[in-house]
N, C-alpha and C. Protein backbone atom coordinates (compact mmCIF):
# COMPACT_ATOMS: atom_id res chain seq x y z
N UNK A 1 -25.36 1.94 46.98
CA UNK A 1 -26.08 2.86 46.08
C UNK A 1 -27.58 2.64 46.26
N UNK A 2 -28.36 3.74 46.47
CA UNK A 2 -29.79 3.59 46.66
C UNK A 2 -30.49 3.37 45.32
N UNK A 3 -31.78 3.16 45.41
CA UNK A 3 -32.54 2.85 44.20
C UNK A 3 -32.53 4.00 43.20
N UNK A 4 -32.55 5.24 43.70
CA UNK A 4 -32.54 6.40 42.79
C UNK A 4 -31.22 6.45 42.03
N UNK A 5 -30.12 6.18 42.75
CA UNK A 5 -28.80 6.19 42.09
C UNK A 5 -28.71 5.12 41.03
N UNK A 6 -29.21 3.94 41.34
CA UNK A 6 -29.21 2.86 40.35
C UNK A 6 -30.04 3.23 39.12
N UNK A 7 -31.17 3.88 39.36
CA UNK A 7 -32.04 4.29 38.26
C UNK A 7 -31.35 5.31 37.36
N UNK A 8 -30.61 6.23 37.98
CA UNK A 8 -29.88 7.25 37.21
C UNK A 8 -28.83 6.59 36.32
N UNK A 9 -28.09 5.64 36.89
CA UNK A 9 -27.06 4.93 36.11
C UNK A 9 -27.69 4.17 34.95
N UNK A 10 -28.79 3.47 35.23
CA UNK A 10 -29.45 2.69 34.18
C UNK A 10 -29.94 3.59 33.05
N UNK A 11 -30.57 4.73 33.44
CA UNK A 11 -31.08 5.67 32.43
C UNK A 11 -29.94 6.27 31.61
N UNK A 12 -28.80 6.53 32.27
CA UNK A 12 -27.64 7.09 31.57
C UNK A 12 -27.11 6.10 30.54
N UNK A 13 -26.97 4.84 30.97
CA UNK A 13 -26.50 3.82 30.04
C UNK A 13 -27.47 3.62 28.88
N UNK A 14 -28.76 3.67 29.20
CA UNK A 14 -29.78 3.52 28.17
C UNK A 14 -29.69 4.66 27.16
N UNK A 15 -29.46 5.87 27.67
CA UNK A 15 -29.33 7.03 26.79
C UNK A 15 -28.14 6.90 25.86
N UNK A 16 -27.01 6.41 26.40
CA UNK A 16 -25.81 6.21 25.57
C UNK A 16 -26.08 5.18 24.48
N UNK A 17 -26.76 4.09 24.84
CA UNK A 17 -27.07 3.06 23.87
C UNK A 17 -27.98 3.58 22.76
N UNK A 18 -28.96 4.39 23.14
CA UNK A 18 -29.88 4.95 22.16
C UNK A 18 -29.13 5.87 21.20
N UNK A 19 -28.26 6.72 21.74
CA UNK A 19 -27.48 7.64 20.89
C UNK A 19 -26.57 6.87 19.95
N UNK A 20 -25.96 5.80 20.46
CA UNK A 20 -25.09 4.98 19.62
C UNK A 20 -25.88 4.33 18.49
N UNK A 21 -27.07 3.83 18.84
CA UNK A 21 -27.90 3.19 17.83
C UNK A 21 -28.32 4.16 16.75
N UNK A 22 -28.66 5.38 17.16
CA UNK A 22 -29.07 6.39 16.18
C UNK A 22 -27.91 6.74 15.26
N UNK A 23 -26.72 6.93 15.86
CA UNK A 23 -25.56 7.32 15.06
C UNK A 23 -25.15 6.23 14.08
N UNK A 24 -25.41 4.97 14.44
CA UNK A 24 -24.99 3.86 13.57
C UNK A 24 -25.89 3.69 12.37
N UNK A 25 -27.10 4.24 12.42
CA UNK A 25 -28.02 4.08 11.30
C UNK A 25 -28.18 5.36 10.49
N UNK A 26 -27.62 6.46 10.94
CA UNK A 26 -27.71 7.71 10.20
C UNK A 26 -26.85 7.59 8.94
N UNK A 27 -27.45 7.84 7.81
CA UNK A 27 -26.75 7.76 6.53
C UNK A 27 -26.31 9.17 6.14
N UNK A 28 -25.03 9.35 5.81
CA UNK A 28 -24.57 10.69 5.41
C UNK A 28 -25.27 11.14 4.15
N UNK A 29 -25.37 12.44 3.93
CA UNK A 29 -26.09 12.95 2.75
C UNK A 29 -25.40 12.54 1.45
N UNK A 30 -26.23 12.28 0.43
CA UNK A 30 -25.67 11.94 -0.88
C UNK A 30 -25.30 13.22 -1.62
N UNK A 31 -24.08 13.24 -2.16
CA UNK A 31 -23.59 14.40 -2.90
C UNK A 31 -23.14 13.93 -4.27
N UNK A 32 -23.66 14.51 -5.35
CA UNK A 32 -23.17 14.14 -6.69
C UNK A 32 -21.67 14.36 -6.81
N UNK A 33 -21.03 13.59 -7.64
CA UNK A 33 -19.57 13.62 -7.74
C UNK A 33 -19.04 15.02 -8.07
N UNK A 34 -19.74 15.73 -8.93
CA UNK A 34 -19.25 17.05 -9.34
C UNK A 34 -19.47 18.13 -8.28
N UNK A 35 -20.11 17.78 -7.16
CA UNK A 35 -20.34 18.75 -6.09
C UNK A 35 -19.57 18.42 -4.81
N UNK A 36 -18.80 17.33 -4.83
CA UNK A 36 -18.08 16.89 -3.63
C UNK A 36 -17.11 17.96 -3.14
N UNK A 37 -16.45 18.66 -4.06
CA UNK A 37 -15.48 19.68 -3.67
C UNK A 37 -16.06 20.82 -2.84
N UNK A 38 -17.36 21.01 -2.91
CA UNK A 38 -18.01 22.09 -2.15
C UNK A 38 -18.30 21.66 -0.72
N UNK A 39 -17.91 20.44 -0.34
CA UNK A 39 -18.22 19.92 1.00
C UNK A 39 -16.94 19.54 1.75
N UNK A 40 -15.90 20.32 1.58
CA UNK A 40 -14.62 20.02 2.24
C UNK A 40 -14.82 19.91 3.76
N UNK A 41 -14.29 18.83 4.33
CA UNK A 41 -14.39 18.60 5.77
C UNK A 41 -15.62 17.84 6.19
N UNK A 42 -16.58 17.68 5.29
CA UNK A 42 -17.83 17.00 5.64
C UNK A 42 -17.75 15.51 5.32
N UNK A 43 -18.60 14.74 6.00
CA UNK A 43 -18.71 13.30 5.76
C UNK A 43 -19.87 13.11 4.80
N UNK A 44 -19.60 12.58 3.60
CA UNK A 44 -20.63 12.50 2.56
C UNK A 44 -20.67 11.11 1.95
N UNK A 45 -21.70 10.93 1.14
CA UNK A 45 -21.87 9.70 0.36
C UNK A 45 -21.95 10.08 -1.11
N UNK A 46 -21.23 9.35 -1.96
CA UNK A 46 -21.27 9.64 -3.39
C UNK A 46 -21.09 8.35 -4.17
N UNK A 47 -21.08 8.46 -5.49
CA UNK A 47 -20.93 7.26 -6.31
C UNK A 47 -20.23 7.62 -7.61
N UNK A 48 -19.66 6.62 -8.26
CA UNK A 48 -18.97 6.83 -9.52
C UNK A 48 -18.46 5.51 -10.07
N UNK A 49 -17.82 5.59 -11.22
CA UNK A 49 -17.29 4.41 -11.91
C UNK A 49 -15.77 4.39 -11.77
N UNK A 50 -15.22 3.25 -11.38
CA UNK A 50 -13.78 3.13 -11.16
C UNK A 50 -13.03 3.26 -12.48
N UNK A 51 -12.07 4.23 -12.51
CA UNK A 51 -11.28 4.43 -13.72
C UNK A 51 -9.80 4.13 -13.50
N UNK A 52 -9.38 4.05 -12.24
CA UNK A 52 -7.99 3.71 -11.96
C UNK A 52 -7.88 3.17 -10.54
N UNK A 53 -6.82 2.41 -10.29
CA UNK A 53 -6.65 1.72 -9.01
C UNK A 53 -5.17 1.53 -8.77
N UNK A 54 -4.72 1.85 -7.54
CA UNK A 54 -3.28 1.74 -7.25
C UNK A 54 -3.10 1.42 -5.77
N UNK A 55 -2.18 0.50 -5.47
CA UNK A 55 -1.84 0.15 -4.10
C UNK A 55 -0.44 0.66 -3.80
N UNK A 56 -0.28 1.46 -2.76
CA UNK A 56 1.02 2.02 -2.41
C UNK A 56 1.87 0.99 -1.70
N UNK A 57 3.16 1.32 -1.53
CA UNK A 57 4.07 0.42 -0.84
C UNK A 57 3.69 0.18 0.60
N UNK A 58 2.98 1.12 1.21
CA UNK A 58 2.55 0.97 2.60
C UNK A 58 1.20 0.27 2.73
N UNK A 59 0.62 -0.12 1.59
CA UNK A 59 -0.63 -0.86 1.64
C UNK A 59 -1.88 -0.03 1.51
N UNK A 60 -1.74 1.30 1.40
CA UNK A 60 -2.91 2.14 1.18
C UNK A 60 -3.41 1.96 -0.26
N UNK A 61 -4.69 2.16 -0.45
CA UNK A 61 -5.29 2.03 -1.78
C UNK A 61 -5.73 3.39 -2.28
N UNK A 62 -5.33 3.72 -3.50
CA UNK A 62 -5.78 4.94 -4.16
C UNK A 62 -6.61 4.53 -5.37
N UNK A 63 -7.78 5.13 -5.49
CA UNK A 63 -8.65 4.87 -6.64
C UNK A 63 -9.08 6.20 -7.23
N UNK A 64 -9.49 6.14 -8.47
CA UNK A 64 -10.16 7.28 -9.09
C UNK A 64 -11.52 6.81 -9.60
N UNK A 65 -12.53 7.61 -9.33
CA UNK A 65 -13.86 7.31 -9.85
C UNK A 65 -14.31 8.49 -10.70
N UNK A 66 -15.15 8.16 -11.69
CA UNK A 66 -15.62 9.18 -12.62
C UNK A 66 -17.14 9.22 -12.66
N UNK A 67 -17.66 10.40 -12.98
CA UNK A 67 -19.09 10.58 -13.12
C UNK A 67 -19.41 12.05 -13.26
N UNK A 68 -20.48 12.38 -13.98
CA UNK A 68 -20.87 13.78 -14.17
C UNK A 68 -19.72 14.62 -14.71
N UNK A 69 -18.92 14.03 -15.62
CA UNK A 69 -17.77 14.71 -16.22
C UNK A 69 -16.77 15.18 -15.16
N UNK A 70 -16.69 14.43 -14.07
CA UNK A 70 -15.80 14.75 -12.96
C UNK A 70 -15.03 13.51 -12.54
N UNK A 71 -13.79 13.70 -12.09
CA UNK A 71 -12.98 12.60 -11.57
C UNK A 71 -12.59 12.92 -10.13
N UNK A 72 -12.68 11.93 -9.26
CA UNK A 72 -12.38 12.15 -7.84
C UNK A 72 -11.41 11.09 -7.34
N UNK A 73 -10.42 11.53 -6.58
CA UNK A 73 -9.45 10.63 -5.97
C UNK A 73 -10.03 10.05 -4.69
N UNK A 74 -9.87 8.75 -4.50
CA UNK A 74 -10.35 8.06 -3.30
C UNK A 74 -9.14 7.49 -2.56
N UNK A 75 -9.06 7.75 -1.26
CA UNK A 75 -7.97 7.23 -0.43
C UNK A 75 -8.55 6.26 0.58
N UNK A 76 -8.00 5.05 0.63
CA UNK A 76 -8.43 4.03 1.59
C UNK A 76 -7.21 3.59 2.37
N UNK A 77 -7.22 3.82 3.67
CA UNK A 77 -6.08 3.48 4.51
C UNK A 77 -5.85 1.98 4.55
N UNK A 78 -4.61 1.58 4.74
CA UNK A 78 -4.27 0.16 4.79
C UNK A 78 -5.02 -0.52 5.92
N UNK A 79 -5.39 -1.77 5.67
CA UNK A 79 -6.15 -2.53 6.67
C UNK A 79 -5.78 -4.00 6.54
N UNK A 80 -6.07 -4.74 7.59
CA UNK A 80 -5.71 -6.15 7.61
C UNK A 80 -6.49 -6.94 6.56
N UNK A 81 -7.73 -6.56 6.36
CA UNK A 81 -8.57 -7.29 5.41
C UNK A 81 -9.00 -6.35 4.29
N UNK A 82 -8.42 -6.52 3.10
CA UNK A 82 -8.75 -5.65 1.97
C UNK A 82 -9.39 -6.43 0.84
N UNK A 83 -9.93 -7.58 1.13
CA UNK A 83 -10.47 -8.43 0.07
C UNK A 83 -11.57 -7.72 -0.72
N UNK A 84 -12.46 -7.00 -0.01
CA UNK A 84 -13.54 -6.32 -0.71
C UNK A 84 -13.01 -5.29 -1.69
N UNK A 85 -11.96 -4.58 -1.29
CA UNK A 85 -11.39 -3.55 -2.15
C UNK A 85 -10.63 -4.19 -3.31
N UNK A 86 -9.84 -5.22 -3.02
CA UNK A 86 -9.04 -5.85 -4.06
C UNK A 86 -9.90 -6.56 -5.10
N UNK A 87 -11.13 -6.87 -4.77
CA UNK A 87 -12.01 -7.55 -5.72
C UNK A 87 -12.78 -6.58 -6.61
N UNK A 88 -12.55 -5.29 -6.44
CA UNK A 88 -13.17 -4.31 -7.32
C UNK A 88 -12.50 -4.35 -8.69
N UNK A 89 -13.23 -3.96 -9.73
CA UNK A 89 -12.72 -4.05 -11.09
C UNK A 89 -12.87 -2.71 -11.81
N UNK A 90 -12.09 -2.57 -12.86
CA UNK A 90 -12.20 -1.41 -13.74
C UNK A 90 -13.61 -1.36 -14.32
N UNK A 91 -14.24 -0.20 -14.24
CA UNK A 91 -15.59 -0.05 -14.79
C UNK A 91 -16.70 -0.34 -13.81
N UNK A 92 -16.37 -0.85 -12.62
CA UNK A 92 -17.40 -1.08 -11.61
C UNK A 92 -17.98 0.25 -11.13
N UNK A 93 -19.28 0.29 -10.96
CA UNK A 93 -19.92 1.45 -10.35
C UNK A 93 -20.03 1.17 -8.85
N UNK A 94 -19.51 2.09 -8.04
CA UNK A 94 -19.52 1.90 -6.59
C UNK A 94 -20.17 3.09 -5.90
N UNK A 95 -20.68 2.83 -4.72
CA UNK A 95 -21.16 3.87 -3.82
C UNK A 95 -20.33 3.80 -2.56
N UNK A 96 -19.90 4.95 -2.05
CA UNK A 96 -19.02 4.93 -0.90
C UNK A 96 -19.24 6.16 -0.03
N UNK A 97 -18.78 6.04 1.22
CA UNK A 97 -18.88 7.11 2.19
C UNK A 97 -17.49 7.50 2.66
N UNK A 98 -17.30 8.78 2.94
CA UNK A 98 -16.00 9.22 3.43
C UNK A 98 -15.99 10.71 3.70
N UNK A 99 -14.84 11.17 4.20
CA UNK A 99 -14.69 12.59 4.50
C UNK A 99 -13.93 13.29 3.39
N UNK A 100 -14.44 14.44 2.98
CA UNK A 100 -13.83 15.21 1.90
C UNK A 100 -12.64 16.00 2.43
N UNK A 101 -11.50 15.86 1.79
CA UNK A 101 -10.30 16.61 2.18
C UNK A 101 -9.55 17.04 0.92
N UNK A 102 -8.46 17.76 1.14
CA UNK A 102 -7.64 18.23 0.02
C UNK A 102 -6.24 17.66 0.20
N UNK A 103 -5.72 17.06 -0.87
CA UNK A 103 -4.36 16.50 -0.84
C UNK A 103 -3.61 17.01 -2.06
N UNK A 104 -2.52 17.73 -1.80
CA UNK A 104 -1.70 18.31 -2.85
C UNK A 104 -2.53 19.08 -3.86
N UNK A 105 -3.44 19.88 -3.33
CA UNK A 105 -4.26 20.74 -4.16
C UNK A 105 -5.41 20.06 -4.88
N UNK A 106 -5.66 18.79 -4.57
CA UNK A 106 -6.72 18.03 -5.23
C UNK A 106 -7.69 17.49 -4.19
N UNK A 107 -8.98 17.61 -4.49
CA UNK A 107 -9.99 17.06 -3.58
C UNK A 107 -9.92 15.54 -3.59
N UNK A 108 -10.08 14.96 -2.41
CA UNK A 108 -10.13 13.51 -2.31
C UNK A 108 -11.15 13.11 -1.26
N UNK A 109 -11.58 11.87 -1.35
CA UNK A 109 -12.51 11.32 -0.36
C UNK A 109 -11.77 10.26 0.43
N UNK A 110 -11.63 10.46 1.74
CA UNK A 110 -10.97 9.49 2.60
C UNK A 110 -12.03 8.52 3.09
N UNK A 111 -11.97 7.30 2.58
CA UNK A 111 -13.04 6.33 2.82
C UNK A 111 -12.54 5.13 3.60
N UNK A 112 -13.47 4.44 4.23
CA UNK A 112 -13.18 3.18 4.90
C UNK A 112 -13.57 2.05 3.97
N UNK A 113 -12.77 0.97 3.96
CA UNK A 113 -13.04 -0.14 3.05
C UNK A 113 -14.43 -0.74 3.26
N UNK A 114 -14.94 -0.66 4.50
CA UNK A 114 -16.25 -1.22 4.80
C UNK A 114 -17.40 -0.32 4.37
N UNK A 115 -17.07 0.91 3.93
CA UNK A 115 -18.10 1.86 3.50
C UNK A 115 -18.18 1.94 1.99
N UNK A 116 -17.71 0.89 1.31
CA UNK A 116 -17.74 0.85 -0.15
C UNK A 116 -18.60 -0.34 -0.58
N UNK A 117 -19.52 -0.09 -1.46
CA UNK A 117 -20.32 -1.19 -1.99
C UNK A 117 -20.47 -1.07 -3.50
N UNK A 118 -20.47 -2.21 -4.15
CA UNK A 118 -20.59 -2.25 -5.60
C UNK A 118 -22.06 -2.10 -5.96
N UNK A 119 -22.33 -1.17 -6.87
CA UNK A 119 -23.70 -0.90 -7.27
C UNK A 119 -24.09 -1.73 -8.49
N UNK A 120 -23.23 -1.71 -9.50
CA UNK A 120 -23.58 -2.40 -10.74
C UNK A 120 -22.35 -2.58 -11.60
N UNK A 121 -22.53 -3.33 -12.68
CA UNK A 121 -21.55 -3.51 -13.74
C UNK A 121 -20.24 -4.13 -13.25
N UNK A 122 -20.26 -5.41 -13.08
CA UNK A 122 -19.04 -6.13 -12.72
C UNK A 122 -18.31 -6.51 -14.00
N UNK A 123 -17.21 -5.81 -14.28
CA UNK A 123 -16.53 -5.98 -15.56
C UNK A 123 -15.46 -7.08 -15.53
N UNK A 124 -15.04 -7.48 -14.35
CA UNK A 124 -13.98 -8.48 -14.20
C UNK A 124 -12.67 -8.04 -14.84
N UNK A 125 -12.44 -6.73 -14.84
CA UNK A 125 -11.16 -6.19 -15.32
C UNK A 125 -10.34 -5.78 -14.10
N UNK A 126 -9.16 -6.37 -13.96
CA UNK A 126 -8.30 -6.11 -12.82
C UNK A 126 -7.28 -5.02 -13.16
N UNK A 127 -6.64 -4.51 -12.12
CA UNK A 127 -5.58 -3.52 -12.29
C UNK A 127 -4.23 -4.18 -12.00
N UNK A 128 -3.17 -3.61 -12.57
CA UNK A 128 -1.83 -4.16 -12.42
C UNK A 128 -1.45 -4.33 -10.95
N UNK A 129 -1.71 -3.32 -10.13
CA UNK A 129 -1.31 -3.41 -8.72
C UNK A 129 -2.08 -4.48 -7.97
N UNK A 130 -3.32 -4.75 -8.36
CA UNK A 130 -4.09 -5.83 -7.74
C UNK A 130 -3.43 -7.17 -8.04
N UNK A 131 -3.02 -7.37 -9.27
CA UNK A 131 -2.38 -8.62 -9.65
C UNK A 131 -1.03 -8.77 -8.99
N UNK A 132 -0.29 -7.67 -8.86
CA UNK A 132 1.04 -7.72 -8.25
C UNK A 132 0.97 -8.14 -6.78
N UNK A 133 -0.12 -7.82 -6.10
CA UNK A 133 -0.24 -8.16 -4.68
C UNK A 133 -0.51 -9.63 -4.44
N UNK A 134 -1.14 -10.29 -5.40
CA UNK A 134 -1.45 -11.72 -5.22
C UNK A 134 -1.46 -12.43 -6.58
N UNK A 135 -0.31 -12.53 -7.23
CA UNK A 135 -0.26 -13.13 -8.57
C UNK A 135 -0.71 -14.58 -8.61
N UNK A 136 -0.49 -15.30 -7.50
CA UNK A 136 -0.89 -16.72 -7.48
C UNK A 136 -2.40 -16.88 -7.63
N UNK A 137 -3.16 -15.85 -7.27
CA UNK A 137 -4.61 -15.90 -7.40
C UNK A 137 -5.03 -15.91 -8.87
N UNK A 138 -4.21 -15.33 -9.74
CA UNK A 138 -4.54 -15.21 -11.16
C UNK A 138 -3.81 -16.22 -12.03
N UNK A 139 -2.83 -16.90 -11.49
CA UNK A 139 -1.98 -17.80 -12.26
C UNK A 139 -2.81 -18.87 -12.99
N UNK A 140 -2.52 -19.02 -14.30
CA UNK A 140 -3.21 -20.02 -15.10
C UNK A 140 -4.59 -19.63 -15.57
N UNK A 141 -5.00 -18.39 -15.30
CA UNK A 141 -6.35 -17.96 -15.66
C UNK A 141 -6.31 -17.00 -16.84
N UNK A 142 -7.39 -16.97 -17.56
CA UNK A 142 -7.58 -15.95 -18.60
C UNK A 142 -8.13 -14.71 -17.90
N UNK A 143 -7.40 -13.62 -18.01
CA UNK A 143 -7.77 -12.42 -17.26
C UNK A 143 -7.83 -11.21 -18.20
N UNK A 144 -8.48 -10.16 -17.72
CA UNK A 144 -8.49 -8.86 -18.38
C UNK A 144 -7.87 -7.87 -17.40
N UNK A 145 -6.89 -7.10 -17.86
CA UNK A 145 -6.17 -6.22 -16.97
C UNK A 145 -6.01 -4.84 -17.60
N UNK A 146 -6.24 -3.80 -16.80
CA UNK A 146 -6.11 -2.42 -17.26
C UNK A 146 -4.77 -1.85 -16.81
N UNK A 147 -4.10 -1.15 -17.70
CA UNK A 147 -2.82 -0.55 -17.35
C UNK A 147 -2.35 0.39 -18.44
N UNK A 148 -1.15 0.92 -18.25
CA UNK A 148 -0.58 1.90 -19.16
C UNK A 148 0.57 1.28 -19.96
N UNK A 149 0.57 1.52 -21.25
CA UNK A 149 1.56 0.92 -22.16
C UNK A 149 2.94 1.53 -21.95
N UNK A 150 3.95 0.67 -21.95
CA UNK A 150 5.33 1.11 -21.80
C UNK A 150 6.25 0.16 -22.57
N UNK A 151 7.34 0.71 -23.14
CA UNK A 151 8.39 -0.08 -23.80
C UNK A 151 7.82 -1.06 -24.82
N UNK A 152 7.30 -0.52 -25.91
CA UNK A 152 6.71 -1.34 -26.96
C UNK A 152 7.79 -1.82 -27.93
N UNK A 153 7.88 -3.13 -28.13
CA UNK A 153 8.78 -3.71 -29.11
C UNK A 153 7.93 -4.44 -30.16
N UNK A 154 8.55 -5.26 -30.98
CA UNK A 154 7.82 -5.89 -32.08
C UNK A 154 6.76 -6.85 -31.58
N UNK A 155 7.09 -7.68 -30.61
CA UNK A 155 6.16 -8.70 -30.15
C UNK A 155 5.88 -8.66 -28.65
N UNK A 156 6.49 -7.73 -27.95
CA UNK A 156 6.27 -7.63 -26.51
C UNK A 156 6.15 -6.17 -26.10
N UNK A 157 5.50 -5.96 -24.98
CA UNK A 157 5.46 -4.62 -24.37
C UNK A 157 5.18 -4.80 -22.89
N UNK A 158 5.36 -3.74 -22.15
CA UNK A 158 5.06 -3.77 -20.72
C UNK A 158 3.77 -3.02 -20.44
N UNK A 159 3.02 -3.55 -19.51
CA UNK A 159 1.79 -2.92 -19.04
C UNK A 159 2.00 -2.57 -17.59
N UNK A 160 1.88 -1.27 -17.26
CA UNK A 160 2.25 -0.79 -15.93
C UNK A 160 1.11 -0.03 -15.27
N UNK A 161 1.23 0.15 -13.95
CA UNK A 161 0.30 1.02 -13.26
C UNK A 161 0.66 2.47 -13.57
N UNK A 162 -0.17 3.39 -13.13
CA UNK A 162 0.00 4.80 -13.51
C UNK A 162 1.35 5.36 -13.11
N UNK A 163 1.88 4.96 -11.96
CA UNK A 163 3.14 5.49 -11.47
C UNK A 163 4.35 4.69 -11.96
N UNK A 164 4.12 3.58 -12.61
CA UNK A 164 5.22 2.78 -13.13
C UNK A 164 5.92 1.93 -12.09
N UNK A 165 5.29 1.74 -10.94
CA UNK A 165 5.90 0.93 -9.88
C UNK A 165 5.68 -0.56 -10.09
N UNK A 166 4.58 -0.93 -10.74
CA UNK A 166 4.29 -2.32 -11.02
C UNK A 166 4.13 -2.48 -12.53
N UNK A 167 4.85 -3.43 -13.11
CA UNK A 167 4.76 -3.66 -14.56
C UNK A 167 4.66 -5.16 -14.85
N UNK A 168 4.02 -5.47 -15.96
CA UNK A 168 3.85 -6.85 -16.40
C UNK A 168 4.31 -6.96 -17.85
N UNK A 169 5.09 -8.00 -18.15
CA UNK A 169 5.49 -8.26 -19.52
C UNK A 169 4.35 -8.92 -20.27
N UNK A 170 4.01 -8.36 -21.44
CA UNK A 170 2.92 -8.89 -22.26
C UNK A 170 3.51 -9.38 -23.58
N UNK A 171 3.25 -10.64 -23.91
CA UNK A 171 3.71 -11.21 -25.18
C UNK A 171 2.55 -11.21 -26.17
N UNK A 172 2.78 -10.51 -27.31
CA UNK A 172 1.69 -10.30 -28.26
C UNK A 172 1.50 -11.47 -29.21
N UNK A 173 2.56 -12.26 -29.47
CA UNK A 173 2.46 -13.39 -30.40
C UNK A 173 1.96 -12.94 -31.77
N UNK A 174 0.75 -13.37 -32.16
CA UNK A 174 0.25 -13.06 -33.50
C UNK A 174 -0.55 -11.77 -33.57
N UNK A 175 -0.73 -11.09 -32.46
CA UNK A 175 -1.53 -9.86 -32.44
C UNK A 175 -0.62 -8.66 -32.71
N UNK A 176 -1.03 -7.81 -33.63
CA UNK A 176 -0.24 -6.63 -33.97
C UNK A 176 -0.33 -5.58 -32.85
N UNK A 177 0.83 -5.08 -32.45
CA UNK A 177 0.86 -4.03 -31.42
C UNK A 177 1.57 -2.79 -31.95
N UNK A 178 1.70 -2.68 -33.27
CA UNK A 178 2.43 -1.56 -33.86
C UNK A 178 1.75 -0.22 -33.62
N UNK A 179 0.44 -0.24 -33.36
CA UNK A 179 -0.28 1.01 -33.15
C UNK A 179 -0.33 1.45 -31.69
N UNK A 180 0.23 0.65 -30.79
CA UNK A 180 0.22 1.02 -29.38
C UNK A 180 1.13 2.22 -29.15
N UNK A 181 0.68 3.13 -28.32
CA UNK A 181 1.47 4.31 -27.97
C UNK A 181 1.77 4.30 -26.49
N UNK A 182 3.00 4.58 -26.13
CA UNK A 182 3.39 4.58 -24.72
C UNK A 182 2.59 5.62 -23.94
N UNK A 183 2.17 5.22 -22.75
CA UNK A 183 1.40 6.11 -21.89
C UNK A 183 -0.10 5.98 -22.06
N UNK A 184 -0.52 5.23 -23.09
CA UNK A 184 -1.95 5.03 -23.32
C UNK A 184 -2.50 3.97 -22.38
N UNK A 185 -3.68 4.23 -21.83
CA UNK A 185 -4.32 3.23 -20.97
C UNK A 185 -5.12 2.26 -21.84
N UNK A 186 -4.89 0.97 -21.65
CA UNK A 186 -5.58 -0.06 -22.43
C UNK A 186 -6.08 -1.16 -21.51
N UNK A 187 -6.89 -2.04 -22.07
CA UNK A 187 -7.30 -3.27 -21.39
C UNK A 187 -6.77 -4.44 -22.22
N UNK A 188 -5.91 -5.24 -21.62
CA UNK A 188 -5.33 -6.40 -22.29
C UNK A 188 -5.96 -7.68 -21.73
N UNK A 189 -6.30 -8.58 -22.63
CA UNK A 189 -6.88 -9.87 -22.22
C UNK A 189 -5.94 -10.98 -22.64
N UNK A 190 -5.67 -11.91 -21.73
CA UNK A 190 -4.77 -12.98 -22.07
C UNK A 190 -4.64 -14.01 -20.96
N UNK A 191 -3.76 -14.97 -21.18
CA UNK A 191 -3.50 -16.02 -20.21
C UNK A 191 -2.34 -15.60 -19.32
N UNK A 192 -2.58 -15.56 -18.03
CA UNK A 192 -1.57 -15.14 -17.06
C UNK A 192 -0.84 -16.38 -16.56
N UNK A 193 0.48 -16.40 -16.72
CA UNK A 193 1.23 -17.60 -16.37
C UNK A 193 2.60 -17.22 -15.81
N UNK A 194 3.26 -18.20 -15.20
CA UNK A 194 4.60 -18.00 -14.65
C UNK A 194 5.63 -18.53 -15.64
N UNK A 195 6.60 -17.68 -15.97
CA UNK A 195 7.68 -18.05 -16.88
C UNK A 195 8.91 -18.41 -16.05
N UNK A 196 9.20 -19.72 -15.85
CA UNK A 196 10.29 -20.12 -14.95
C UNK A 196 11.68 -19.71 -15.44
N UNK A 197 11.85 -19.63 -16.76
CA UNK A 197 13.17 -19.28 -17.28
C UNK A 197 13.58 -17.87 -16.88
N UNK A 198 12.61 -16.96 -16.91
CA UNK A 198 12.87 -15.57 -16.52
C UNK A 198 12.45 -15.28 -15.08
N UNK A 199 11.87 -16.27 -14.43
CA UNK A 199 11.41 -16.16 -13.04
C UNK A 199 10.48 -14.96 -12.86
N UNK A 200 9.44 -14.90 -13.70
CA UNK A 200 8.49 -13.80 -13.59
C UNK A 200 7.15 -14.24 -14.18
N UNK A 201 6.10 -13.51 -13.80
CA UNK A 201 4.78 -13.73 -14.36
C UNK A 201 4.64 -12.91 -15.65
N UNK A 202 3.97 -13.49 -16.64
CA UNK A 202 3.76 -12.81 -17.91
C UNK A 202 2.31 -13.01 -18.38
N UNK A 203 1.94 -12.20 -19.35
CA UNK A 203 0.59 -12.31 -19.95
C UNK A 203 0.74 -12.68 -21.42
N UNK A 204 0.13 -13.79 -21.79
CA UNK A 204 0.11 -14.22 -23.19
C UNK A 204 -1.13 -13.60 -23.84
N UNK A 205 -0.92 -12.56 -24.64
CA UNK A 205 -2.01 -11.72 -25.13
C UNK A 205 -2.97 -12.46 -26.06
N UNK A 206 -4.28 -12.22 -25.81
CA UNK A 206 -5.33 -12.79 -26.65
C UNK A 206 -6.08 -11.68 -27.39
N UNK A 207 -6.34 -10.57 -26.69
CA UNK A 207 -7.09 -9.47 -27.30
C UNK A 207 -6.74 -8.15 -26.62
N UNK A 208 -6.95 -7.05 -27.35
CA UNK A 208 -6.74 -5.70 -26.83
C UNK A 208 -8.02 -4.89 -26.96
N UNK A 209 -8.23 -4.00 -26.00
CA UNK A 209 -9.38 -3.09 -26.12
C UNK A 209 -9.05 -1.78 -25.41
């Protein structure tokens, strides 16, 4: 190859590198949450407060974020490392990037786990499905968990995810639960422990909100 040919190859490679560098630093446009639906098919950036969180059987993560009197579904494909996503909490404000699509007649943002960052308000409130994926991480700790009320009895009730696939037994002890209504979303605070007699994890209730 003569010198001119080598120069052409070098310039071509340099051009590719420059284009790659530009593409890696380009930030997608910011779109308010209530305007995301008008950008179907586009790659956008938005923000909101986490109001629900669910992990599917295949490992995908579904979240809902709220803002501007709007709620948006977030889809995050399963990945080997989901620690950043699993460490998100109820009430956290996040900023994320993704492509706007429609799923079963509802707008959603298909996001990558690495394109999500926490903006503010770390509430330390976990979701039922987060705890179900790694209960040993929470064992013996005082935790706050968000879920939906199910099967209320005098001193116990179940706290489940939205679809009812993951549930936790909650023991109320001295706290009155007579006003709880099934299907209501609550935040329960208590001691998370393993009950060997029943071979399951349970929550010893301390407070409700």
